[in-house]
């Protein structure tokens, strides 16, 4: 659970937001903001926050295809990689 992993998750979320339609991009605003805020404050995210982000990504990937689906899957993988290091699983 490093700041680098959280930064990678943020980059993946931003990429996903840029590739999806407007409605999906709106749904990604909260997760992106939450990760940005944590990074700026030097904090981590707990399992609950990460689960909500993952759930949003999972819901969005169901309706996505092509580049958007790939970007959403990459974001899910990045969030999951970060979450593996979060204590209290």
N, C-alpha and C. Protein backbone atom coordinates (compact mmCIF):
# COMPACT_ATOMS: atom_id res chain seq x y z
N UNK A 1 0.86 -1.17 0.00
CA UNK A 1 0.00 0.00 0.00
C UNK A 1 0.90 1.23 0.00
N UNK A 2 1.22 1.69 -1.15
CA UNK A 2 2.11 2.84 -1.25
C UNK A 2 1.41 3.99 -1.97
N UNK A 3 1.99 5.15 -1.78
CA UNK A 3 1.47 6.32 -2.49
C UNK A 3 1.60 6.12 -4.00
N UNK A 4 2.64 5.42 -4.42
CA UNK A 4 2.81 5.15 -5.85
C UNK A 4 1.67 4.30 -6.40
N UNK A 5 1.25 3.30 -5.62
CA UNK A 5 0.13 2.46 -6.05
C UNK A 5 -1.16 3.26 -6.10
N UNK A 6 -1.34 4.14 -5.11
CA UNK A 6 -2.55 4.97 -5.11
C UNK A 6 -2.51 5.95 -6.28
N UNK A 7 -1.35 6.48 -6.58
CA UNK A 7 -1.19 7.37 -7.74
C UNK A 7 -1.48 6.62 -9.04
N UNK A 8 -1.04 5.38 -9.13
CA UNK A 8 -1.33 4.55 -10.31
C UNK A 8 -2.83 4.32 -10.44
N UNK A 9 -3.49 4.08 -9.31
CA UNK A 9 -4.95 3.90 -9.32
C UNK A 9 -5.63 5.19 -9.79
N UNK A 10 -5.15 6.33 -9.31
CA UNK A 10 -5.72 7.60 -9.73
C UNK A 10 -5.53 7.82 -11.23
N UNK A 11 -4.35 7.54 -11.73
CA UNK A 11 -4.10 7.68 -13.17
C UNK A 11 -5.05 6.79 -13.98
N UNK A 12 -5.24 5.56 -13.51
CA UNK A 12 -6.14 4.64 -14.21
C UNK A 12 -7.58 5.12 -14.15
N UNK A 13 -7.99 5.66 -13.01
CA UNK A 13 -9.35 6.21 -12.89
C UNK A 13 -9.53 7.41 -13.83
N UNK A 14 -8.54 8.26 -13.90
CA UNK A 14 -8.63 9.42 -14.80
C UNK A 14 -8.70 8.98 -16.26
N UNK A 15 -7.91 7.99 -16.63
CA UNK A 15 -7.95 7.46 -17.99
C UNK A 15 -9.32 6.89 -18.29
N UNK A 16 -9.85 6.12 -17.35
CA UNK A 16 -11.19 5.55 -17.54
C UNK A 16 -12.22 6.65 -17.71
N UNK A 17 -12.14 7.67 -16.87
CA UNK A 17 -13.10 8.78 -16.95
C UNK A 17 -13.03 9.46 -18.31
N UNK A 18 -11.85 9.54 -18.88
CA UNK A 18 -11.68 10.21 -20.18
C UNK A 18 -12.20 9.37 -21.34
N UNK A 19 -12.38 8.06 -21.14
CA UNK A 19 -12.78 7.20 -22.25
C UNK A 19 -14.24 6.81 -22.25
N UNK A 20 -14.94 7.06 -21.15
CA UNK A 20 -16.34 6.64 -21.05
C UNK A 20 -17.27 7.76 -21.48
N UNK A 21 -18.56 7.44 -21.60
CA UNK A 21 -19.54 8.45 -21.97
C UNK A 21 -19.76 9.43 -20.81
N UNK A 22 -20.51 10.49 -21.07
CA UNK A 22 -20.70 11.55 -20.08
C UNK A 22 -21.33 11.05 -18.78
N UNK A 23 -22.33 10.19 -18.89
CA UNK A 23 -23.00 9.68 -17.68
C UNK A 23 -22.03 8.88 -16.82
N UNK A 24 -21.26 8.02 -17.44
CA UNK A 24 -20.28 7.23 -16.70
C UNK A 24 -19.18 8.12 -16.12
N UNK A 25 -18.76 9.12 -16.89
CA UNK A 25 -17.74 10.05 -16.40
C UNK A 25 -18.23 10.77 -15.16
N UNK A 26 -19.50 11.15 -15.15
CA UNK A 26 -20.07 11.79 -13.97
C UNK A 26 -20.00 10.86 -12.76
N UNK A 27 -20.27 9.59 -12.96
CA UNK A 27 -20.22 8.61 -11.86
C UNK A 27 -18.80 8.41 -11.36
N UNK A 28 -17.81 8.67 -12.20
CA UNK A 28 -16.42 8.50 -11.78
C UNK A 28 -15.86 9.73 -11.07
N UNK A 29 -16.58 10.82 -11.08
CA UNK A 29 -16.09 12.04 -10.43
C UNK A 29 -15.82 11.81 -8.94
N UNK A 30 -16.76 11.18 -8.24
CA UNK A 30 -16.60 10.97 -6.80
C UNK A 30 -15.39 10.09 -6.50
N UNK A 31 -15.23 8.93 -7.16
CA UNK A 31 -14.03 8.14 -6.89
C UNK A 31 -12.72 8.89 -7.19
N UNK A 32 -12.69 9.61 -8.29
CA UNK A 32 -11.47 10.37 -8.63
C UNK A 32 -11.20 11.41 -7.55
N UNK A 33 -12.23 12.14 -7.16
CA UNK A 33 -12.07 13.16 -6.12
C UNK A 33 -11.60 12.55 -4.80
N UNK A 34 -12.17 11.41 -4.44
CA UNK A 34 -11.80 10.75 -3.18
C UNK A 34 -10.32 10.36 -3.19
N UNK A 35 -9.84 9.80 -4.29
CA UNK A 35 -8.44 9.39 -4.37
C UNK A 35 -7.53 10.62 -4.41
N UNK A 36 -7.90 11.64 -5.16
CA UNK A 36 -7.10 12.87 -5.21
C UNK A 36 -6.96 13.48 -3.82
N UNK A 37 -8.07 13.55 -3.10
CA UNK A 37 -8.06 14.13 -1.76
C UNK A 37 -7.16 13.34 -0.82
N UNK A 38 -7.24 12.02 -0.89
CA UNK A 38 -6.38 11.18 -0.04
C UNK A 38 -4.91 11.41 -0.36
N UNK A 39 -4.57 11.45 -1.63
CA UNK A 39 -3.18 11.68 -2.01
C UNK A 39 -2.67 13.04 -1.56
N UNK A 40 -3.48 14.07 -1.75
CA UNK A 40 -3.08 15.42 -1.37
C UNK A 40 -2.87 15.53 0.14
N UNK A 41 -3.65 14.79 0.91
CA UNK A 41 -3.56 14.84 2.37
C UNK A 41 -2.56 13.82 2.93
N UNK A 42 -1.98 13.01 2.06
CA UNK A 42 -1.05 12.00 2.51
C UNK A 42 -1.72 10.88 3.29
N UNK A 43 -2.99 10.65 2.99
CA UNK A 43 -3.76 9.61 3.69
C UNK A 43 -3.93 8.39 2.79
N UNK A 44 -4.43 7.33 3.42
CA UNK A 44 -4.77 6.12 2.68
C UNK A 44 -6.29 6.04 2.58
N UNK A 45 -6.76 5.11 1.81
CA UNK A 45 -8.19 4.84 1.73
C UNK A 45 -8.45 3.51 2.40
N UNK A 46 -9.58 3.41 3.11
CA UNK A 46 -9.90 2.16 3.78
C UNK A 46 -10.61 1.21 2.83
N UNK A 47 -10.83 0.00 3.32
CA UNK A 47 -11.44 -1.03 2.48
C UNK A 47 -12.84 -0.64 2.02
N UNK A 48 -13.59 0.05 2.87
CA UNK A 48 -14.95 0.46 2.49
C UNK A 48 -14.94 1.40 1.30
N UNK A 49 -14.08 2.41 1.36
CA UNK A 49 -13.98 3.37 0.25
C UNK A 49 -13.52 2.68 -1.03
N UNK A 50 -12.55 1.80 -0.89
CA UNK A 50 -12.05 1.08 -2.06
C UNK A 50 -13.09 0.13 -2.64
N UNK A 51 -13.89 -0.47 -1.77
CA UNK A 51 -14.96 -1.36 -2.25
C UNK A 51 -16.01 -0.56 -3.02
N UNK A 52 -16.33 0.64 -2.55
CA UNK A 52 -17.31 1.48 -3.27
C UNK A 52 -16.77 1.87 -4.65
N UNK A 53 -15.49 2.21 -4.71
CA UNK A 53 -14.88 2.55 -5.99
C UNK A 53 -14.92 1.35 -6.93
N UNK A 54 -14.55 0.20 -6.42
CA UNK A 54 -14.56 -1.02 -7.24
C UNK A 54 -15.96 -1.36 -7.71
N UNK A 55 -16.94 -1.20 -6.84
CA UNK A 55 -18.33 -1.49 -7.22
C UNK A 55 -18.78 -0.56 -8.35
N UNK A 56 -18.44 0.71 -8.26
CA UNK A 56 -18.78 1.65 -9.32
C UNK A 56 -18.13 1.23 -10.64
N UNK A 57 -16.87 0.87 -10.59
CA UNK A 57 -16.17 0.43 -11.80
C UNK A 57 -16.80 -0.83 -12.38
N UNK A 58 -17.15 -1.78 -11.51
CA UNK A 58 -17.78 -3.02 -11.97
C UNK A 58 -19.12 -2.75 -12.66
N UNK A 59 -19.89 -1.83 -12.09
CA UNK A 59 -21.19 -1.48 -12.69
C UNK A 59 -21.00 -0.82 -14.05
N UNK A 60 -20.01 0.06 -14.15
CA UNK A 60 -19.79 0.78 -15.40
C UNK A 60 -19.25 -0.13 -16.50
N UNK A 61 -18.40 -1.08 -16.15
CA UNK A 61 -17.81 -1.95 -17.17
C UNK A 61 -18.88 -2.84 -17.81
N UNK A 62 -19.96 -3.11 -17.10
CA UNK A 62 -21.04 -3.93 -17.66
C UNK A 62 -21.66 -3.30 -18.90
N UNK A 63 -21.69 -1.97 -18.95
CA UNK A 63 -22.31 -1.25 -20.06
C UNK A 63 -21.29 -0.69 -21.05
N UNK A 64 -20.02 -0.97 -20.83
CA UNK A 64 -18.97 -0.41 -21.67
C UNK A 64 -18.47 -1.45 -22.67
N UNK A 65 -17.79 -0.95 -23.69
CA UNK A 65 -17.15 -1.85 -24.63
C UNK A 65 -15.87 -1.20 -25.14
N UNK A 66 -15.08 -1.98 -25.82
CA UNK A 66 -13.87 -1.46 -26.44
C UNK A 66 -12.92 -0.79 -25.48
N UNK A 67 -12.46 0.38 -25.88
CA UNK A 67 -11.47 1.12 -25.11
C UNK A 67 -11.97 1.48 -23.72
N UNK A 68 -13.25 1.84 -23.61
CA UNK A 68 -13.81 2.20 -22.31
C UNK A 68 -13.79 1.00 -21.36
N UNK A 69 -14.19 -0.16 -21.85
CA UNK A 69 -14.19 -1.36 -21.01
C UNK A 69 -12.77 -1.71 -20.56
N UNK A 70 -11.82 -1.58 -21.46
CA UNK A 70 -10.42 -1.87 -21.12
C UNK A 70 -9.91 -0.89 -20.06
N UNK A 71 -10.23 0.38 -20.22
CA UNK A 71 -9.78 1.39 -19.26
C UNK A 71 -10.42 1.16 -17.89
N UNK A 72 -11.69 0.80 -17.87
CA UNK A 72 -12.37 0.51 -16.61
C UNK A 72 -11.77 -0.73 -15.94
N UNK A 73 -11.46 -1.73 -16.73
CA UNK A 73 -10.83 -2.94 -16.18
C UNK A 73 -9.44 -2.63 -15.63
N UNK A 74 -8.70 -1.79 -16.33
CA UNK A 74 -7.38 -1.38 -15.84
C UNK A 74 -7.50 -0.62 -14.52
N UNK A 75 -8.50 0.24 -14.42
CA UNK A 75 -8.72 0.99 -13.18
C UNK A 75 -9.08 0.04 -12.04
N UNK A 76 -9.92 -0.94 -12.33
CA UNK A 76 -10.28 -1.93 -11.31
C UNK A 76 -9.04 -2.67 -10.83
N UNK A 77 -8.19 -3.07 -11.75
CA UNK A 77 -6.96 -3.79 -11.39
C UNK A 77 -6.04 -2.91 -10.55
N UNK A 78 -5.93 -1.63 -10.88
CA UNK A 78 -5.06 -0.73 -10.13
C UNK A 78 -5.59 -0.51 -8.72
N UNK A 79 -6.90 -0.33 -8.58
CA UNK A 79 -7.50 -0.16 -7.25
C UNK A 79 -7.31 -1.44 -6.44
N UNK A 80 -7.51 -2.58 -7.06
CA UNK A 80 -7.33 -3.87 -6.37
C UNK A 80 -5.89 -4.07 -5.93
N UNK A 81 -4.93 -3.69 -6.76
CA UNK A 81 -3.52 -3.81 -6.41
C UNK A 81 -3.20 -2.96 -5.18
N UNK A 82 -3.74 -1.76 -5.14
CA UNK A 82 -3.54 -0.90 -3.98
C UNK A 82 -4.21 -1.51 -2.75
N UNK A 83 -5.41 -2.01 -2.93
CA UNK A 83 -6.20 -2.53 -1.81
C UNK A 83 -5.53 -3.73 -1.15
N UNK A 84 -4.78 -4.51 -1.91
CA UNK A 84 -4.10 -5.68 -1.34
C UNK A 84 -3.18 -5.31 -0.19
N UNK A 85 -2.64 -4.11 -0.21
CA UNK A 85 -1.72 -3.69 0.85
C UNK A 85 -2.37 -2.95 1.99
N UNK A 86 -3.68 -2.75 1.92
CA UNK A 86 -4.38 -2.03 2.98
C UNK A 86 -4.64 -2.98 4.14
N UNK A 87 -4.20 -2.62 5.35
CA UNK A 87 -4.42 -3.51 6.48
C UNK A 87 -5.89 -3.61 6.86
N UNK A 88 -6.23 -4.70 7.51
CA UNK A 88 -7.59 -4.87 8.02
C UNK A 88 -8.54 -5.55 7.08
N UNK A 89 -8.03 -6.35 6.17
CA UNK A 89 -8.90 -7.03 5.20
C UNK A 89 -9.82 -8.02 5.87
